[in-house]
């Protein structure tokens, strides 16, 4: 085994078609990307802090209540339909067993519409099982396997 004084840092310079993760540019690129993402997040928070009072003042109490109601309903419908479509797509791509897709769809449809907290919790647990299966399936799939072409 080589001692610390005998070890050298191996720096691989990028070549045409090389993956950036195999080069010495990976670290600085990750730092730049993380900084850009954090800056964009902070800007989004700042814009929402500025726009929220303006929106409330413009809509008034009643209008803002209607806005929040419609936004909440669209969120629930989007999550419900989104989980159904995710389950269908992953099952159709043969990325997950069909029962994981059913768990995604069933969990998405049940937890917002259950009459008690206990039943809503059961719906969330079912959705969590579906998410677990979707995560495993996506980790095991290649990018080409996700590309579903019409007629397949």
N, C-alpha and C. Protein backbone atom coordinates (compact mmCIF):
# COMPACT_ATOMS: atom_id res chain seq x y z
N UNK A 1 0.85 -1.18 0.00
CA UNK A 1 0.00 0.00 0.00
C UNK A 1 0.89 1.23 0.00
N UNK A 2 0.56 2.19 -0.82
CA UNK A 2 1.37 3.40 -0.95
C UNK A 2 1.10 4.33 0.20
N UNK A 3 2.14 5.02 0.64
CA UNK A 3 1.96 5.99 1.71
C UNK A 3 1.33 7.26 1.15
N UNK A 4 0.93 8.15 2.07
CA UNK A 4 0.27 9.38 1.65
C UNK A 4 1.19 10.24 0.81
N UNK A 5 2.50 10.20 1.08
CA UNK A 5 3.42 11.03 0.30
C UNK A 5 3.62 10.48 -1.10
N UNK A 6 3.38 9.17 -1.29
CA UNK A 6 3.55 8.57 -2.61
C UNK A 6 2.29 8.67 -3.47
N UNK A 7 1.15 8.92 -2.85
CA UNK A 7 -0.09 9.00 -3.61
C UNK A 7 -0.20 10.35 -4.30
N UNK A 8 -0.72 10.33 -5.50
CA UNK A 8 -0.93 11.56 -6.26
C UNK A 8 -2.40 11.65 -6.61
N UNK A 9 -2.86 12.86 -6.74
CA UNK A 9 -4.23 13.06 -7.22
C UNK A 9 -4.24 12.80 -8.72
N UNK A 10 -5.18 12.03 -9.13
CA UNK A 10 -5.33 11.76 -10.55
C UNK A 10 -6.37 12.71 -11.09
N UNK A 11 -5.96 13.53 -12.02
CA UNK A 11 -6.86 14.49 -12.64
C UNK A 11 -7.04 14.07 -14.09
N UNK A 12 -8.25 13.79 -14.43
CA UNK A 12 -8.58 13.41 -15.80
C UNK A 12 -9.19 14.61 -16.48
N UNK A 13 -8.55 15.08 -17.51
CA UNK A 13 -9.07 16.23 -18.23
C UNK A 13 -10.16 15.76 -19.18
N UNK A 14 -11.19 16.61 -19.38
CA UNK A 14 -12.29 16.19 -20.25
C UNK A 14 -11.83 15.98 -21.69
N UNK A 15 -12.34 14.95 -22.29
CA UNK A 15 -12.12 14.70 -23.69
C UNK A 15 -13.46 14.73 -24.39
N UNK A 16 -13.43 14.71 -25.69
CA UNK A 16 -14.67 14.77 -26.45
C UNK A 16 -15.55 13.57 -26.10
N UNK A 17 -16.77 13.86 -25.63
CA UNK A 17 -17.71 12.80 -25.30
C UNK A 17 -17.53 12.22 -23.90
N UNK A 18 -16.61 12.78 -23.11
CA UNK A 18 -16.40 12.25 -21.76
C UNK A 18 -17.51 12.72 -20.83
N UNK A 19 -17.83 11.89 -19.87
CA UNK A 19 -18.81 12.25 -18.86
C UNK A 19 -18.17 13.21 -17.88
N UNK A 20 -18.87 14.28 -17.53
CA UNK A 20 -18.30 15.29 -16.62
C UNK A 20 -17.99 14.70 -15.26
N UNK A 21 -18.69 13.64 -14.86
CA UNK A 21 -18.42 13.02 -13.56
C UNK A 21 -17.06 12.34 -13.52
N UNK A 22 -16.48 12.07 -14.69
CA UNK A 22 -15.17 11.44 -14.76
C UNK A 22 -14.05 12.46 -14.82
N UNK A 23 -14.37 13.72 -14.72
CA UNK A 23 -13.36 14.77 -14.86
C UNK A 23 -13.22 15.56 -13.56
N UNK A 24 -12.23 16.42 -13.54
CA UNK A 24 -12.02 17.28 -12.37
C UNK A 24 -13.00 18.44 -12.34
N UNK A 25 -13.81 18.59 -13.35
CA UNK A 25 -14.81 19.66 -13.40
C UNK A 25 -16.09 19.31 -12.66
N UNK A 26 -16.23 18.08 -12.19
CA UNK A 26 -17.47 17.65 -11.55
C UNK A 26 -17.75 18.44 -10.28
N UNK A 27 -16.76 18.62 -9.42
CA UNK A 27 -16.96 19.35 -8.17
C UNK A 27 -17.38 20.79 -8.38
N UNK A 28 -16.60 21.56 -9.17
CA UNK A 28 -17.02 22.95 -9.42
C UNK A 28 -18.38 23.06 -10.10
N UNK A 29 -18.70 22.13 -10.99
CA UNK A 29 -20.01 22.17 -11.65
C UNK A 29 -21.13 21.92 -10.65
N UNK A 30 -20.91 21.00 -9.70
CA UNK A 30 -21.91 20.73 -8.68
C UNK A 30 -22.10 21.94 -7.77
N UNK A 31 -21.01 22.61 -7.44
CA UNK A 31 -21.10 23.80 -6.59
C UNK A 31 -21.83 24.92 -7.32
N UNK A 32 -21.51 25.12 -8.60
CA UNK A 32 -22.22 26.15 -9.38
C UNK A 32 -23.70 25.83 -9.50
N UNK A 33 -24.03 24.57 -9.76
CA UNK A 33 -25.43 24.18 -9.88
C UNK A 33 -26.18 24.33 -8.58
N UNK A 34 -25.55 23.94 -7.48
CA UNK A 34 -26.19 24.08 -6.17
C UNK A 34 -26.41 25.53 -5.80
N UNK A 35 -25.43 26.37 -6.10
CA UNK A 35 -25.55 27.80 -5.82
C UNK A 35 -26.66 28.42 -6.66
N UNK A 36 -26.72 28.04 -7.93
CA UNK A 36 -27.79 28.55 -8.81
C UNK A 36 -29.16 28.11 -8.31
N UNK A 37 -29.27 26.87 -7.90
CA UNK A 37 -30.55 26.36 -7.40
C UNK A 37 -30.96 27.06 -6.12
N UNK A 38 -30.02 27.24 -5.19
CA UNK A 38 -30.33 27.93 -3.93
C UNK A 38 -30.71 29.38 -4.19
N UNK A 39 -30.02 30.02 -5.12
CA UNK A 39 -30.35 31.41 -5.46
C UNK A 39 -31.73 31.52 -6.08
N UNK A 40 -32.07 30.61 -6.97
CA UNK A 40 -33.39 30.62 -7.59
C UNK A 40 -34.48 30.36 -6.55
N UNK A 41 -34.22 29.47 -5.61
CA UNK A 41 -35.18 29.20 -4.54
C UNK A 41 -35.40 30.45 -3.68
N UNK A 42 -34.31 31.11 -3.31
CA UNK A 42 -34.41 32.33 -2.51
C UNK A 42 -35.16 33.42 -3.26
N UNK A 43 -34.91 33.54 -4.56
CA UNK A 43 -35.63 34.52 -5.37
C UNK A 43 -37.12 34.20 -5.42
N UNK A 44 -37.45 32.93 -5.55
CA UNK A 44 -38.86 32.53 -5.55
C UNK A 44 -39.56 32.85 -4.25
N UNK A 45 -38.88 32.62 -3.13
CA UNK A 45 -39.44 32.96 -1.82
C UNK A 45 -39.65 34.47 -1.72
N UNK A 46 -38.66 35.23 -2.16
CA UNK A 46 -38.76 36.68 -2.10
C UNK A 46 -39.93 37.19 -2.95
N UNK A 47 -40.07 36.64 -4.16
CA UNK A 47 -41.17 37.05 -5.03
C UNK A 47 -42.53 36.68 -4.42
N UNK A 48 -42.63 35.54 -3.76
CA UNK A 48 -43.90 35.16 -3.15
C UNK A 48 -44.21 36.05 -1.96
N UNK A 49 -43.19 36.47 -1.22
CA UNK A 49 -43.42 37.38 -0.10
C UNK A 49 -43.88 38.75 -0.57
N UNK A 50 -43.43 39.15 -1.74
CA UNK A 50 -43.85 40.44 -2.30
C UNK A 50 -45.24 40.33 -2.91
N UNK A 51 -45.50 39.21 -3.61
CA UNK A 51 -46.75 39.10 -4.36
C UNK A 51 -47.96 38.74 -3.50
N UNK A 52 -47.78 38.01 -2.40
CA UNK A 52 -48.91 37.58 -1.58
C UNK A 52 -49.73 38.76 -1.04
N UNK A 53 -49.11 39.78 -0.45
CA UNK A 53 -49.92 40.90 0.03
C UNK A 53 -50.62 41.65 -1.10
N UNK A 54 -49.95 41.74 -2.25
CA UNK A 54 -50.57 42.42 -3.39
C UNK A 54 -51.79 41.64 -3.88
N UNK A 55 -51.67 40.31 -3.93
CA UNK A 55 -52.78 39.48 -4.37
C UNK A 55 -53.95 39.57 -3.40
N UNK A 56 -53.66 39.52 -2.10
CA UNK A 56 -54.73 39.60 -1.10
C UNK A 56 -55.42 40.96 -1.16
N UNK A 57 -54.65 42.01 -1.32
CA UNK A 57 -55.23 43.36 -1.40
C UNK A 57 -56.09 43.50 -2.66
N UNK A 58 -55.61 42.95 -3.77
CA UNK A 58 -56.35 43.07 -5.04
C UNK A 58 -57.64 42.25 -5.01
N UNK A 59 -57.61 41.03 -4.48
CA UNK A 59 -58.78 40.16 -4.52
C UNK A 59 -59.77 40.45 -3.39
N UNK A 60 -59.30 40.96 -2.29
CA UNK A 60 -60.17 41.15 -1.14
C UNK A 60 -60.33 39.84 -0.39
N UNK A 61 -61.01 39.89 0.74
CA UNK A 61 -61.14 38.71 1.59
C UNK A 61 -61.93 37.61 0.89
N UNK A 62 -63.07 37.96 0.31
CA UNK A 62 -63.91 36.96 -0.35
C UNK A 62 -63.22 36.39 -1.58
N UNK A 63 -62.66 37.24 -2.40
CA UNK A 63 -61.98 36.77 -3.61
C UNK A 63 -60.77 35.91 -3.30
N UNK A 64 -60.04 36.29 -2.23
CA UNK A 64 -58.89 35.48 -1.85
C UNK A 64 -59.33 34.12 -1.31
N UNK A 65 -60.42 34.06 -0.59
CA UNK A 65 -60.96 32.78 -0.13
C UNK A 65 -61.33 31.89 -1.30
N UNK A 66 -61.95 32.46 -2.33
CA UNK A 66 -62.30 31.69 -3.52
C UNK A 66 -61.03 31.21 -4.24
N UNK A 67 -60.04 32.07 -4.31
CA UNK A 67 -58.77 31.72 -4.95
C UNK A 67 -58.11 30.54 -4.24
N UNK A 68 -58.08 30.57 -2.91
CA UNK A 68 -57.48 29.48 -2.13
C UNK A 68 -58.28 28.20 -2.30
N UNK A 69 -59.61 28.31 -2.32
CA UNK A 69 -60.46 27.12 -2.50
C UNK A 69 -60.20 26.46 -3.84
N UNK A 70 -60.20 27.24 -4.91
CA UNK A 70 -59.97 26.69 -6.25
C UNK A 70 -58.56 26.12 -6.36
N UNK A 71 -57.58 26.82 -5.81
CA UNK A 71 -56.20 26.32 -5.84
C UNK A 71 -56.07 25.00 -5.11
N UNK A 72 -56.72 24.88 -3.97
CA UNK A 72 -56.67 23.64 -3.20
C UNK A 72 -57.32 22.49 -3.95
N UNK A 73 -58.47 22.75 -4.56
CA UNK A 73 -59.15 21.70 -5.33
C UNK A 73 -58.30 21.26 -6.52
N UNK A 74 -57.68 22.21 -7.21
CA UNK A 74 -56.82 21.85 -8.34
C UNK A 74 -55.61 21.04 -7.88
N UNK A 75 -55.09 21.36 -6.72
CA UNK A 75 -53.97 20.59 -6.18
C UNK A 75 -54.39 19.16 -5.89
N UNK A 76 -55.54 18.97 -5.26
CA UNK A 76 -56.01 17.62 -4.93
C UNK A 76 -56.29 16.83 -6.20
N UNK A 77 -56.95 17.45 -7.17
CA UNK A 77 -57.24 16.76 -8.43
C UNK A 77 -55.94 16.42 -9.16
N UNK A 78 -54.99 17.36 -9.15
CA UNK A 78 -53.71 17.11 -9.82
C UNK A 78 -52.94 15.96 -9.20
N UNK A 79 -52.91 15.90 -7.88
CA UNK A 79 -52.22 14.80 -7.20
C UNK A 79 -52.92 13.47 -7.49
N UNK A 80 -54.24 13.48 -7.43
CA UNK A 80 -55.00 12.26 -7.66
C UNK A 80 -54.78 11.73 -9.07
N UNK A 81 -54.94 12.57 -10.06
CA UNK A 81 -54.77 12.15 -11.45
C UNK A 81 -53.30 11.86 -11.73
N UNK A 82 -52.40 12.64 -11.14
CA UNK A 82 -50.98 12.42 -11.35
C UNK A 82 -50.50 11.07 -10.85
N UNK A 83 -50.97 10.66 -9.67
CA UNK A 83 -50.59 9.35 -9.15
C UNK A 83 -51.16 8.23 -10.01
N UNK A 84 -52.38 8.41 -10.50
CA UNK A 84 -52.98 7.42 -11.40
C UNK A 84 -52.13 7.28 -12.67
N UNK A 85 -51.77 8.41 -13.27
CA UNK A 85 -50.98 8.38 -14.50
C UNK A 85 -49.58 7.82 -14.27
N UNK A 86 -48.99 8.14 -13.12
CA UNK A 86 -47.67 7.59 -12.80
C UNK A 86 -47.73 6.08 -12.68
N UNK A 87 -48.75 5.57 -11.98
CA UNK A 87 -48.91 4.13 -11.85
C UNK A 87 -49.12 3.45 -13.19
N UNK A 88 -49.94 4.06 -14.05
CA UNK A 88 -50.19 3.48 -15.38
C UNK A 88 -48.92 3.49 -16.22
N UNK A 89 -48.20 4.61 -16.21
CA UNK A 89 -47.00 4.72 -17.05
C UNK A 89 -45.92 3.73 -16.62
N UNK A 90 -45.68 3.63 -15.32
CA UNK A 90 -44.63 2.72 -14.86
C UNK A 90 -45.02 1.26 -15.06
N UNK A 91 -46.29 0.96 -14.91
CA UNK A 91 -46.75 -0.41 -15.16
C UNK A 91 -46.66 -0.73 -16.64
N UNK A 92 -47.06 0.21 -17.46
CA UNK A 92 -47.03 0.01 -18.92
C UNK A 92 -45.61 -0.14 -19.44
N UNK A 93 -44.67 0.57 -18.82
CA UNK A 93 -43.27 0.45 -19.22
C UNK A 93 -42.61 -0.78 -18.63
N UNK A 94 -43.39 -1.57 -17.90
CA UNK A 94 -42.91 -2.77 -17.23
C UNK A 94 -41.79 -2.46 -16.24
N UNK A 95 -41.88 -1.29 -15.65
CA UNK A 95 -40.89 -0.88 -14.66
C UNK A 95 -41.24 -1.33 -13.27
N UNK A 96 -42.53 -1.55 -13.02
CA UNK A 96 -42.97 -1.99 -11.71
C UNK A 96 -44.04 -3.04 -11.90
N UNK A 97 -44.20 -3.93 -10.91
CA UNK A 97 -45.32 -4.88 -10.97
C UNK A 97 -46.65 -4.13 -10.91
N UNK A 98 -47.67 -4.73 -11.45
CA UNK A 98 -48.97 -4.06 -11.56
C UNK A 98 -49.53 -3.67 -10.20
N UNK A 99 -49.25 -4.44 -9.16
CA UNK A 99 -49.84 -4.11 -7.86
C UNK A 99 -49.24 -2.84 -7.27
N UNK A 100 -47.97 -2.50 -7.63
CA UNK A 100 -47.43 -1.20 -7.20
C UNK A 100 -48.17 -0.06 -7.90
N UNK A 101 -48.47 -0.25 -9.18
CA UNK A 101 -49.24 0.76 -9.91
C UNK A 101 -50.63 0.94 -9.34
N UNK A 102 -51.26 -0.18 -8.96
CA UNK A 102 -52.58 -0.11 -8.34
C UNK A 102 -52.49 0.60 -6.98
N UNK A 103 -51.43 0.33 -6.24
CA UNK A 103 -51.25 0.99 -4.94
C UNK A 103 -51.09 2.50 -5.12
N UNK A 104 -50.35 2.93 -6.15
CA UNK A 104 -50.22 4.37 -6.42
C UNK A 104 -51.58 4.98 -6.73
N UNK A 105 -52.31 4.34 -7.63
CA UNK A 105 -53.60 4.88 -8.05
C UNK A 105 -54.60 4.87 -6.89
N UNK A 106 -54.68 3.74 -6.17
CA UNK A 106 -55.64 3.61 -5.08
C UNK A 106 -55.30 4.57 -3.94
N UNK A 107 -54.03 4.67 -3.60
CA UNK A 107 -53.62 5.60 -2.55
C UNK A 107 -53.90 7.04 -2.93
N UNK A 108 -53.69 7.37 -4.19
CA UNK A 108 -53.98 8.73 -4.65
C UNK A 108 -55.45 9.06 -4.61
N UNK A 109 -56.29 8.07 -4.92
CA UNK A 109 -57.73 8.32 -4.94
C UNK A 109 -58.35 8.26 -3.54
N UNK A 110 -57.74 7.51 -2.64
CA UNK A 110 -58.40 7.33 -1.35
C UNK A 110 -58.05 8.39 -0.33
N UNK A 111 -56.79 8.76 -0.18
CA UNK A 111 -56.46 9.56 0.99
C UNK A 111 -57.09 10.95 1.01
N UNK A 112 -57.35 11.64 -0.11
CA UNK A 112 -58.01 12.95 0.04
C UNK A 112 -59.51 12.85 0.33
N UNK A 113 -60.11 11.70 0.04
CA UNK A 113 -61.56 11.61 0.09
C UNK A 113 -62.09 10.71 1.19
N UNK A 114 -61.27 10.29 2.11
CA UNK A 114 -61.72 9.42 3.19
C UNK A 114 -62.38 10.24 4.30
N UNK A 115 -63.46 9.72 4.90
CA UNK A 115 -64.20 10.50 5.89
C UNK A 115 -63.51 10.63 7.25
N UNK A 116 -62.60 9.71 7.59
CA UNK A 116 -61.94 9.80 8.90
C UNK A 116 -60.43 9.87 8.71
N UNK A 117 -59.78 10.35 9.74
CA UNK A 117 -58.32 10.46 9.67
C UNK A 117 -57.66 9.09 9.58
N UNK A 118 -58.25 8.11 10.23
CA UNK A 118 -57.68 6.76 10.20
C UNK A 118 -57.71 6.20 8.79
N UNK A 119 -58.84 6.33 8.11
CA UNK A 119 -58.93 5.83 6.74
C UNK A 119 -58.04 6.62 5.79
N UNK A 120 -57.93 7.93 6.02
CA UNK A 120 -57.02 8.73 5.21
C UNK A 120 -55.58 8.28 5.42
N UNK A 121 -55.24 7.92 6.66
CA UNK A 121 -53.90 7.39 6.95
C UNK A 121 -53.65 6.08 6.24
N UNK A 122 -54.67 5.22 6.18
CA UNK A 122 -54.53 3.96 5.44
C UNK A 122 -54.28 4.25 3.97
N UNK A 123 -55.00 5.22 3.41
CA UNK A 123 -54.77 5.61 2.02
C UNK A 123 -53.35 6.12 1.80
N UNK A 124 -52.83 6.88 2.75
CA UNK A 124 -51.45 7.37 2.63
C UNK A 124 -50.44 6.24 2.72
N UNK A 125 -50.72 5.26 3.57
CA UNK A 125 -49.81 4.11 3.67
C UNK A 125 -49.82 3.32 2.36
N UNK A 126 -51.00 3.14 1.78
CA UNK A 126 -51.08 2.45 0.48
C UNK A 126 -50.31 3.23 -0.57
N UNK A 127 -50.46 4.56 -0.59
CA UNK A 127 -49.72 5.38 -1.54
C UNK A 127 -48.21 5.26 -1.29
N UNK A 128 -47.81 5.19 -0.02
CA UNK A 128 -46.38 5.06 0.30
C UNK A 128 -45.82 3.74 -0.23
N UNK A 129 -46.61 2.67 -0.15
CA UNK A 129 -46.17 1.39 -0.72
C UNK A 129 -46.00 1.53 -2.23
N UNK A 130 -46.93 2.22 -2.87
CA UNK A 130 -46.81 2.47 -4.30
C UNK A 130 -45.58 3.31 -4.64
N UNK A 131 -45.30 4.34 -3.84
CA UNK A 131 -44.11 5.16 -4.06
C UNK A 131 -42.83 4.34 -3.87
N UNK A 132 -42.83 3.45 -2.89
CA UNK A 132 -41.68 2.58 -2.67
C UNK A 132 -41.43 1.73 -3.92
N UNK A 133 -42.49 1.13 -4.44
CA UNK A 133 -42.35 0.31 -5.64
C UNK A 133 -41.92 1.13 -6.84
N UNK A 134 -42.48 2.34 -6.97
CA UNK A 134 -42.10 3.20 -8.08
C UNK A 134 -40.63 3.59 -7.97
N UNK A 135 -40.17 3.87 -6.76
CA UNK A 135 -38.76 4.23 -6.57
C UNK A 135 -37.85 3.07 -6.94
N UNK A 136 -38.18 1.88 -6.48
CA UNK A 136 -37.37 0.72 -6.84
C UNK A 136 -37.37 0.49 -8.34
N UNK A 137 -38.54 0.59 -8.94
CA UNK A 137 -38.63 0.38 -10.38
C UNK A 137 -37.84 1.40 -11.17
N UNK A 138 -37.92 2.66 -10.78
CA UNK A 138 -37.18 3.70 -11.49
C UNK A 138 -35.68 3.56 -11.30
N UNK A 139 -35.26 3.13 -10.13
CA UNK A 139 -33.83 2.93 -9.90
C UNK A 139 -33.28 1.79 -10.75
N UNK A 140 -34.11 0.81 -11.02
CA UNK A 140 -33.66 -0.36 -11.78
C UNK A 140 -33.79 -0.18 -13.29
N UNK A 141 -34.56 0.80 -13.73
CA UNK A 141 -34.81 0.97 -15.17
C UNK A 141 -33.74 1.83 -15.82
N UNK A 142 -33.46 1.54 -17.08
CA UNK A 142 -32.60 2.42 -17.86
C UNK A 142 -33.47 3.53 -18.44
N UNK A 143 -32.85 4.59 -18.89
CA UNK A 143 -33.60 5.69 -19.48
C UNK A 143 -34.33 5.25 -20.75
N UNK A 144 -33.72 4.34 -21.50
CA UNK A 144 -34.36 3.86 -22.71
C UNK A 144 -35.62 3.07 -22.41
N UNK A 145 -35.65 2.38 -21.31
CA UNK A 145 -36.83 1.59 -20.95
C UNK A 145 -38.01 2.48 -20.59
N UNK A 146 -37.74 3.71 -20.18
CA UNK A 146 -38.83 4.63 -19.83
C UNK A 146 -39.50 5.22 -21.06
N UNK A 147 -38.83 5.18 -22.19
CA UNK A 147 -39.38 5.77 -23.41
C UNK A 147 -40.43 4.82 -23.99
N UNK A 148 -41.68 5.18 -23.79
CA UNK A 148 -42.78 4.36 -24.30
C UNK A 148 -43.21 4.94 -25.64
N UNK A 149 -43.16 4.13 -26.66
CA UNK A 149 -43.55 4.60 -27.98
C UNK A 149 -44.99 4.20 -28.28
N UNK A 150 -45.66 4.98 -29.09
CA UNK A 150 -47.05 4.70 -29.44
C UNK A 150 -47.15 3.34 -30.11
N UNK A 151 -48.14 2.60 -29.72
CA UNK A 151 -48.38 1.31 -30.34
C UNK A 151 -47.73 0.15 -29.60
N UNK A 152 -46.93 0.41 -28.58
CA UNK A 152 -46.30 -0.67 -27.83
C UNK A 152 -47.16 -1.12 -26.70
